[in-house]
Amino acid sequence: MKKKRSIMKLTRIKRNTRNEKRYNSKMGILYTKVTYIKEVILGIPIRTLHKYRETYYGEIKDCSEFNLAT
């Protein structure tokens, strides 16, 4: 019987969804759910790989066209 090795992964990919206020010149202030996909090493977030938002109609869009509202 062979033993399986348990390999400890140091890097992981995590998703985090939170509500944010975004601003667009055509639509004004928009409250939307933004999902961040981050690379994590030993529990410390290193960089954001991608972020996207879900519209009211369920479409998935990139966050590059919207700015954060202050």
PDB file of N, CA and C in Angstrom:
ATOM      1  N   MET A   1       0.834  -1.176   0.000  1.00  0.00           N
ATOM      2  CA  MET A   1       0.000   0.000   0.000  1.00  0.00           C
ATOM      3  C   MET A   1       0.885   1.248   0.000  1.00  0.00           C
ATOM      4  N   LYS A   2       0.645   2.142  -0.955  1.00  0.00           N
ATOM      5  CA  LYS A   2       1.450   3.354  -1.059  1.00  0.00           C
ATOM      6  C   LYS A   2       0.900   4.446  -0.151  1.00  0.00           C
ATOM      7  N   LYS A   3       1.810   5.206   0.417  1.00  0.00           N
ATOM      8  CA  LYS A   3       1.404   6.348   1.223  1.00  0.00           C
ATOM      9  C   LYS A   3       1.339   7.578   0.328  1.00  0.00           C
ATOM     10  N   LYS A   4       0.319   8.379   0.535  1.00  0.00           N
ATOM     11  CA  LYS A   4       0.199   9.624  -0.214  1.00  0.00           C
ATOM     12  C   LYS A   4       0.936  10.719   0.536  1.00  0.00           C
ATOM     13  N   ARG A   5       1.672  11.505  -0.202  1.00  0.00           N
ATOM     14  CA  ARG A   5       2.366  12.635   0.413  1.00  0.00           C
ATOM     15  C   ARG A   5       1.403  13.808   0.531  1.00  0.00           C
ATOM     16  N   SER A   6       1.461  14.448   1.648  1.00  0.00           N
ATOM     17  CA  SER A   6       0.660  15.661   1.796  1.00  0.00           C
ATOM     18  C   SER A   6       1.563  16.850   1.485  1.00  0.00           C
ATOM     19  N   ILE A   7       1.243  17.523   0.414  1.00  0.00           N
ATOM     20  CA  ILE A   7       2.034  18.673  -0.015  1.00  0.00           C
ATOM     21  C   ILE A   7       1.356  19.935   0.499  1.00  0.00           C
ATOM     22  N   MET A   8       2.097  20.728   1.236  1.00  0.00           N
ATOM     23  CA  MET A   8       1.556  21.977   1.760  1.00  0.00           C
ATOM     24  C   MET A   8       1.704  23.061   0.704  1.00  0.00           C
ATOM     25  N   LYS A   9       0.580  23.619   0.302  1.00  0.00           N
ATOM     26  CA  LYS A   9       0.608  24.680  -0.693  1.00  0.00           C
ATOM     27  C   LYS A   9       0.870  26.010   0.001  1.00  0.00           C
ATOM     28  N   LEU A  10       1.805  26.756  -0.507  1.00  0.00           N
ATOM     29  CA  LEU A  10       2.117  28.055   0.077  1.00  0.00           C
ATOM     30  C   LEU A  10       1.271  29.158  -0.532  1.00  0.00           C
ATOM     31  N   THR A  11       0.916  29.015  -1.794  1.00  0.00           N
ATOM     32  CA  THR A  11       0.104  30.046  -2.445  1.00  0.00           C
ATOM     33  C   THR A  11      -1.310  29.530  -2.644  1.00  0.00           C
ATOM     34  N   ARG A  12      -2.259  30.427  -2.480  1.00  0.00           N
ATOM     35  CA  ARG A  12      -3.668  30.120  -2.689  1.00  0.00           C
ATOM     36  C   ARG A  12      -4.318  31.279  -3.423  1.00  0.00           C
ATOM     37  N   ILE A  13      -5.456  31.005  -4.015  1.00  0.00           N
ATOM     38  CA  ILE A  13      -6.255  32.026  -4.681  1.00  0.00           C
ATOM     39  C   ILE A  13      -7.536  32.181  -3.870  1.00  0.00           C
ATOM     40  N   LYS A  14      -7.858  33.424  -3.465  1.00  0.00           N
ATOM     41  CA  LYS A  14      -9.045  33.683  -2.664  1.00  0.00           C
ATOM     42  C   LYS A  14      -9.949  34.677  -3.371  1.00  0.00           C
ATOM     43  N   ARG A  15     -11.255  34.479  -3.209  1.00  0.00           N
ATOM     44  CA  ARG A  15     -12.248  35.420  -3.711  1.00  0.00           C
ATOM     45  C   ARG A  15     -12.879  36.131  -2.527  1.00  0.00           C
ATOM     46  N   ASN A  16     -13.113  37.424  -2.699  1.00  0.00           N
ATOM     47  CA  ASN A  16     -13.750  38.211  -1.662  1.00  0.00           C
ATOM     48  C   ASN A  16     -14.750  39.138  -2.343  1.00  0.00           C
ATOM     49  N   THR A  17     -16.012  39.096  -1.913  1.00  0.00           N
ATOM     50  CA  THR A  17     -17.053  39.943  -2.488  1.00  0.00           C
ATOM     51  C   THR A  17     -17.490  40.950  -1.442  1.00  0.00           C
ATOM     52  N   ARG A  18     -17.580  42.211  -1.861  1.00  0.00           N
ATOM     53  CA  ARG A  18     -18.057  43.251  -0.952  1.00  0.00           C
ATOM     54  C   ARG A  18     -18.817  44.313  -1.742  1.00  0.00           C
ATOM     55  N   ASN A  19     -19.671  45.044  -1.042  1.00  0.00           N
ATOM     56  CA  ASN A  19     -20.450  46.101  -1.677  1.00  0.00           C
ATOM     57  C   ASN A  19     -19.625  47.378  -1.712  1.00  0.00           C
ATOM     58  N   GLU A  20     -19.633  48.053  -2.856  1.00  0.00           N
ATOM     59  CA  GLU A  20     -18.881  49.296  -3.012  1.00  0.00           C
ATOM     60  C   GLU A  20     -19.729  50.336  -3.719  1.00  0.00           C
ATOM     61  N   LYS A  21     -19.357  51.588  -3.488  1.00  0.00           N
ATOM     62  CA  LYS A  21     -19.957  52.702  -4.203  1.00  0.00           C
ATOM     63  C   LYS A  21     -19.074  53.013  -5.394  1.00  0.00           C
ATOM     64  N   ARG A  22     -19.601  52.924  -6.599  1.00  0.00           N
ATOM     65  CA  ARG A  22     -18.854  53.217  -7.823  1.00  0.00           C
ATOM     66  C   ARG A  22     -19.488  54.415  -8.505  1.00  0.00           C
ATOM     67  N   TYR A  23     -18.707  55.112  -9.323  1.00  0.00           N
ATOM     68  CA  TYR A  23     -19.197  56.302 -10.016  1.00  0.00           C
ATOM     69  C   TYR A  23     -18.922  56.196 -11.509  1.00  0.00           C
ATOM     70  N   ASN A  24     -19.933  56.517 -12.305  1.00  0.00           N
ATOM     71  CA  ASN A  24     -19.807  56.599 -13.751  1.00  0.00           C
ATOM     72  C   ASN A  24     -20.405  57.924 -14.180  1.00  0.00           C
ATOM     73  N   SER A  25     -19.796  58.594 -15.152  1.00  0.00           N
ATOM     74  CA  SER A  25     -20.275  59.912 -15.567  1.00  0.00           C
ATOM     75  C   SER A  25     -21.678  59.844 -16.169  1.00  0.00           C
ATOM     76  N   LYS A  26     -22.037  58.745 -16.805  1.00  0.00           N
ATOM     77  CA  LYS A  26     -23.360  58.620 -17.417  1.00  0.00           C
ATOM     78  C   LYS A  26     -24.433  58.207 -16.408  1.00  0.00           C
ATOM     79  N   MET A  27     -24.073  57.358 -15.445  1.00  0.00           N
ATOM     80  CA  MET A  27     -25.065  56.796 -14.526  1.00  0.00           C
ATOM     81  C   MET A  27     -25.040  57.423 -13.140  1.00  0.00           C
ATOM     82  N   GLY A  28     -23.972  58.115 -12.790  1.00  0.00           N
ATOM     83  CA  GLY A  28     -23.854  58.677 -11.458  1.00  0.00           C
ATOM     84  C   GLY A  28     -23.329  57.646 -10.480  1.00  0.00           C
ATOM     85  N   ILE A  29     -23.747  57.756  -9.208  1.00  0.00           N
ATOM     86  CA  ILE A  29     -23.275  56.827  -8.180  1.00  0.00           C
ATOM     87  C   ILE A  29     -24.058  55.522  -8.283  1.00  0.00           C
ATOM     88  N   LEU A  30     -23.335  54.416  -8.203  1.00  0.00           N
ATOM     89  CA  LEU A  30     -23.913  53.088  -8.355  1.00  0.00           C
ATOM     90  C   LEU A  30     -23.398  52.206  -7.222  1.00  0.00           C
ATOM     91  N   TYR A  31     -24.310  51.555  -6.501  1.00  0.00           N
ATOM     92  CA  TYR A  31     -23.929  50.596  -5.464  1.00  0.00           C
ATOM     93  C   TYR A  31     -23.899  49.219  -6.108  1.00  0.00           C
ATOM     94  N   THR A  32     -22.768  48.545  -6.028  1.00  0.00           N
ATOM     95  CA  THR A  32     -22.614  47.267  -6.712  1.00  0.00           C
ATOM     96  C   THR A  32     -21.766  46.306  -5.893  1.00  0.00           C
ATOM     97  N   LYS A  33     -21.920  45.010  -6.176  1.00  0.00           N
ATOM     98  CA  LYS A  33     -21.089  43.981  -5.554  1.00  0.00           C
ATOM     99  C   LYS A  33     -19.842  43.800  -6.400  1.00  0.00           C
ATOM    100  N   VAL A  34     -18.677  43.952  -5.781  1.00  0.00           N
ATOM    101  CA  VAL A  34     -17.408  43.804  -6.482  1.00  0.00           C
ATOM    102  C   VAL A  34     -16.695  42.584  -5.914  1.00  0.00           C
ATOM    103  N   THR A  35     -16.239  41.700  -6.797  1.00  0.00           N
ATOM    104  CA  THR A  35     -15.523  40.492  -6.399  1.00  0.00           C
ATOM    105  C   THR A  35     -14.051  40.656  -6.728  1.00  0.00           C
ATOM    106  N   TYR A  36     -13.202  40.478  -5.721  1.00  0.00           N
ATOM    107  CA  TYR A  36     -11.753  40.555  -5.883  1.00  0.00           C
ATOM    108  C   TYR A  36     -11.188  39.143  -5.874  1.00  0.00           C
ATOM    109  N   ILE A  37     -10.303  38.839  -6.816  1.00  0.00           N
ATOM    110  CA  ILE A  37      -9.584  37.571  -6.834  1.00  0.00           C
ATOM    111  C   ILE A  37      -8.140  37.897  -6.492  1.00  0.00           C
ATOM    112  N   LYS A  38      -7.668  37.399  -5.331  1.00  0.00           N
ATOM    113  CA  LYS A  38      -6.341  37.750  -4.831  1.00  0.00           C
ATOM    114  C   LYS A  38      -5.469  36.514  -4.678  1.00  0.00           C
ATOM    115  N   GLU A  39      -4.166  36.728  -4.830  1.00  0.00           N
ATOM    116  CA  GLU A  39      -3.180  35.685  -4.570  1.00  0.00           C
ATOM    117  C   GLU A  39      -2.699  35.857  -3.133  1.00  0.00           C
ATOM    118  N   VAL A  40      -2.725  34.773  -2.358  1.00  0.00           N
ATOM    119  CA  VAL A  40      -2.396  34.816  -0.938  1.00  0.00           C
ATOM    120  C   VAL A  40      -1.261  33.835  -0.671  1.00  0.00           C
ATOM    121  N   ILE A  41      -0.219  34.301   0.012  1.00  0.00           N
ATOM    122  CA  ILE A  41       0.890  33.441   0.414  1.00  0.00           C
ATOM    123  C   ILE A  41       0.949  33.432   1.938  1.00  0.00           C
ATOM    124  N   LEU A  42       0.761  32.252   2.516  1.00  0.00           N
ATOM    125  CA  LEU A  42       0.766  32.057   3.977  1.00  0.00           C
ATOM    126  C   LEU A  42      -0.206  32.999   4.685  1.00  0.00           C
ATOM    127  N   GLY A  43      -1.372  33.236   4.090  1.00  0.00           N
ATOM    128  CA  GLY A  43      -2.397  34.073   4.697  1.00  0.00           C
ATOM    129  C   GLY A  43      -2.220  35.562   4.483  1.00  0.00           C
ATOM    130  N   ILE A  44      -1.171  35.979   3.788  1.00  0.00           N
ATOM    131  CA  ILE A  44      -0.915  37.400   3.537  1.00  0.00           C
ATOM    132  C   ILE A  44      -1.248  37.699   2.075  1.00  0.00           C
ATOM    133  N   PRO A  45      -2.195  38.629   1.815  1.00  0.00           N
ATOM    134  CA  PRO A  45      -2.527  38.946   0.424  1.00  0.00           C
ATOM    135  C   PRO A  45      -1.361  39.634  -0.278  1.00  0.00           C
ATOM    136  N   ILE A  46      -0.979  39.120  -1.445  1.00  0.00           N
ATOM    137  CA  ILE A  46       0.169  39.637  -2.181  1.00  0.00           C
ATOM    138  C   ILE A  46      -0.261  40.600  -3.279  1.00  0.00           C
ATOM    139  N   ARG A  47      -1.177  40.164  -4.150  1.00  0.00           N
ATOM    140  CA  ARG A  47      -1.614  41.035  -5.238  1.00  0.00           C
ATOM    141  C   ARG A  47      -3.017  40.647  -5.674  1.00  0.00           C
ATOM    142  N   THR A  48      -3.694  41.603  -6.316  1.00  0.00           N
ATOM    143  CA  THR A  48      -5.015  41.374  -6.873  1.00  0.00           C
ATOM    144  C   THR A  48      -4.852  40.916  -8.309  1.00  0.00           C
ATOM    145  N   LEU A  49      -5.347  39.724  -8.607  1.00  0.00           N
ATOM    146  CA  LEU A  49      -5.241  39.190  -9.954  1.00  0.00           C
ATOM    147  C   LEU A  49      -6.313  39.768 -10.868  1.00  0.00           C
ATOM    148  N   HIS A  50      -7.544  39.909 -10.367  1.00  0.00           N
ATOM    149  CA  HIS A  50      -8.644  40.390 -11.190  1.00  0.00           C
ATOM    150  C   HIS A  50      -9.744  40.898 -10.279  1.00  0.00           C
ATOM    151  N   LYS A  51     -10.513  41.873 -10.744  1.00  0.00           N
ATOM    152  CA  LYS A  51     -11.710  42.285 -10.023  1.00  0.00           C
ATOM    153  C   LYS A  51     -12.814  42.551 -11.035  1.00  0.00           C
ATOM    154  N   TYR A  52     -14.018  42.128 -10.683  1.00  0.00           N
ATOM    155  CA  TYR A  52     -15.152  42.302 -11.571  1.00  0.00           C
ATOM    156  C   TYR A  52     -16.386  42.604 -10.744  1.00  0.00           C
ATOM    157  N   ARG A  53     -17.414  43.104 -11.416  1.00  0.00           N
ATOM    158  CA  ARG A  53     -18.646  43.450 -10.727  1.00  0.00           C
ATOM    159  C   ARG A  53     -19.818  42.788 -11.434  1.00  0.00           C
ATOM    160  N   GLU A  54     -20.885  42.578 -10.683  1.00  0.00           N
ATOM    161  CA  GLU A  54     -22.096  41.989 -11.243  1.00  0.00           C
ATOM    162  C   GLU A  54     -23.145  43.079 -11.360  1.00  0.00           C
ATOM    163  N   THR A  55     -23.770  43.202 -12.532  1.00  0.00           N
ATOM    164  CA  THR A  55     -24.785  44.224 -12.748  1.00  0.00           C
ATOM    165  C   THR A  55     -26.123  43.758 -12.180  1.00  0.00           C
ATOM    166  N   TYR A  56     -27.099  44.646 -12.233  1.00  0.00           N
ATOM    167  CA  TYR A  56     -28.443  44.345 -11.750  1.00  0.00           C
ATOM    168  C   TYR A  56     -29.060  43.193 -12.534  1.00  0.00           C
ATOM    169  N   TYR A  57     -28.716  43.092 -13.808  1.00  0.00           N
ATOM    170  CA  TYR A  57     -29.283  42.063 -14.683  1.00  0.00           C
ATOM    171  C   TYR A  57     -28.483  40.766 -14.674  1.00  0.00           C
ATOM    172  N   GLY A  58     -27.435  40.675 -13.870  1.00  0.00           N
ATOM    173  CA  GLY A  58     -26.663  39.451 -13.743  1.00  0.00           C
ATOM    174  C   GLY A  58     -25.468  39.358 -14.669  1.00  0.00           C
ATOM    175  N   GLU A  59     -25.190  40.408 -15.442  1.00  0.00           N
ATOM    176  CA  GLU A  59     -24.020  40.402 -16.322  1.00  0.00           C
ATOM    177  C   GLU A  59     -22.758  40.607 -15.492  1.00  0.00           C
ATOM    178  N   ILE A  60     -21.649  40.032 -15.942  1.00  0.00           N
ATOM    179  CA  ILE A  60     -20.360  40.200 -15.280  1.00  0.00           C
ATOM    180  C   ILE A  60     -19.533  41.179 -16.101  1.00  0.00           C
ATOM    181  N   LYS A  61     -19.061  42.260 -15.464  1.00  0.00           N
ATOM    182  CA  LYS A  61     -18.281  43.278 -16.160  1.00  0.00           C
ATOM    183  C   LYS A  61     -16.990  43.554 -15.406  1.00  0.00           C
ATOM    184  N   ASP A  62     -15.983  44.000 -16.144  1.00  0.00           N
ATOM    185  CA  ASP A  62     -14.695  44.357 -15.561  1.00  0.00           C
ATOM    186  C   ASP A  62     -14.833  45.697 -14.842  1.00  0.00           C
ATOM    187  N   CYS A  63     -14.063  45.930 -13.800  1.00  0.00           N
ATOM    188  CA  CYS A  63     -14.170  47.158 -13.009  1.00  0.00           C
ATOM    189  C   CYS A  63     -13.312  48.303 -13.538  1.00  0.00           C
ATOM    190  N   SER A  64     -12.645  48.141 -14.649  1.00  0.00           N
ATOM    191  CA  SER A  64     -11.730  49.181 -15.116  1.00  0.00           C
ATOM    192  C   SER A  64     -12.451  50.436 -15.584  1.00  0.00           C
ATOM    193  N   GLU A  65     -13.708  50.337 -16.012  1.00  0.00           N
ATOM    194  CA  GLU A  65     -14.397  51.504 -16.546  1.00  0.00           C
ATOM    195  C   GLU A  65     -15.059  52.367 -15.474  1.00  0.00           C
ATOM    196  N   PHE A  66     -15.198  51.844 -14.259  1.00  0.00           N
ATOM    197  CA  PHE A  66     -15.824  52.594 -13.180  1.00  0.00           C
ATOM    198  C   PHE A  66     -14.774  53.084 -12.194  1.00  0.00           C
ATOM    199  N   ASN A  67     -15.042  54.216 -11.561  1.00  0.00           N
ATOM    200  CA  ASN A  67     -14.158  54.773 -10.534  1.00  0.00           C
ATOM    201  C   ASN A  67     -14.835  54.641  -9.176  1.00  0.00           C
ATOM    202  N   LEU A  68     -14.032  54.603  -8.125  1.00  0.00           N
ATOM    203  CA  LEU A  68     -14.580  54.598  -6.777  1.00  0.00           C
ATOM    204  C   LEU A  68     -15.144  55.964  -6.449  1.00  0.00           C
ATOM    205  N   ALA A  69     -16.327  56.007  -5.876  1.00  0.00           N
ATOM    206  CA  ALA A  69     -16.930  57.268  -5.459  1.00  0.00           C
ATOM    207  C   ALA A  69     -16.406  57.616  -4.071  1.00  0.00           C
ATOM    208  N   THR A  70     -16.129  58.877  -3.839  1.00  0.00           N
ATOM    209  CA  THR A  70     -15.620  59.285  -2.529  1.00  0.00           C
ATOM    210  C   THR A  70     -16.665  59.991  -1.727  1.00  0.00           C
TER     211      THR A  70
END
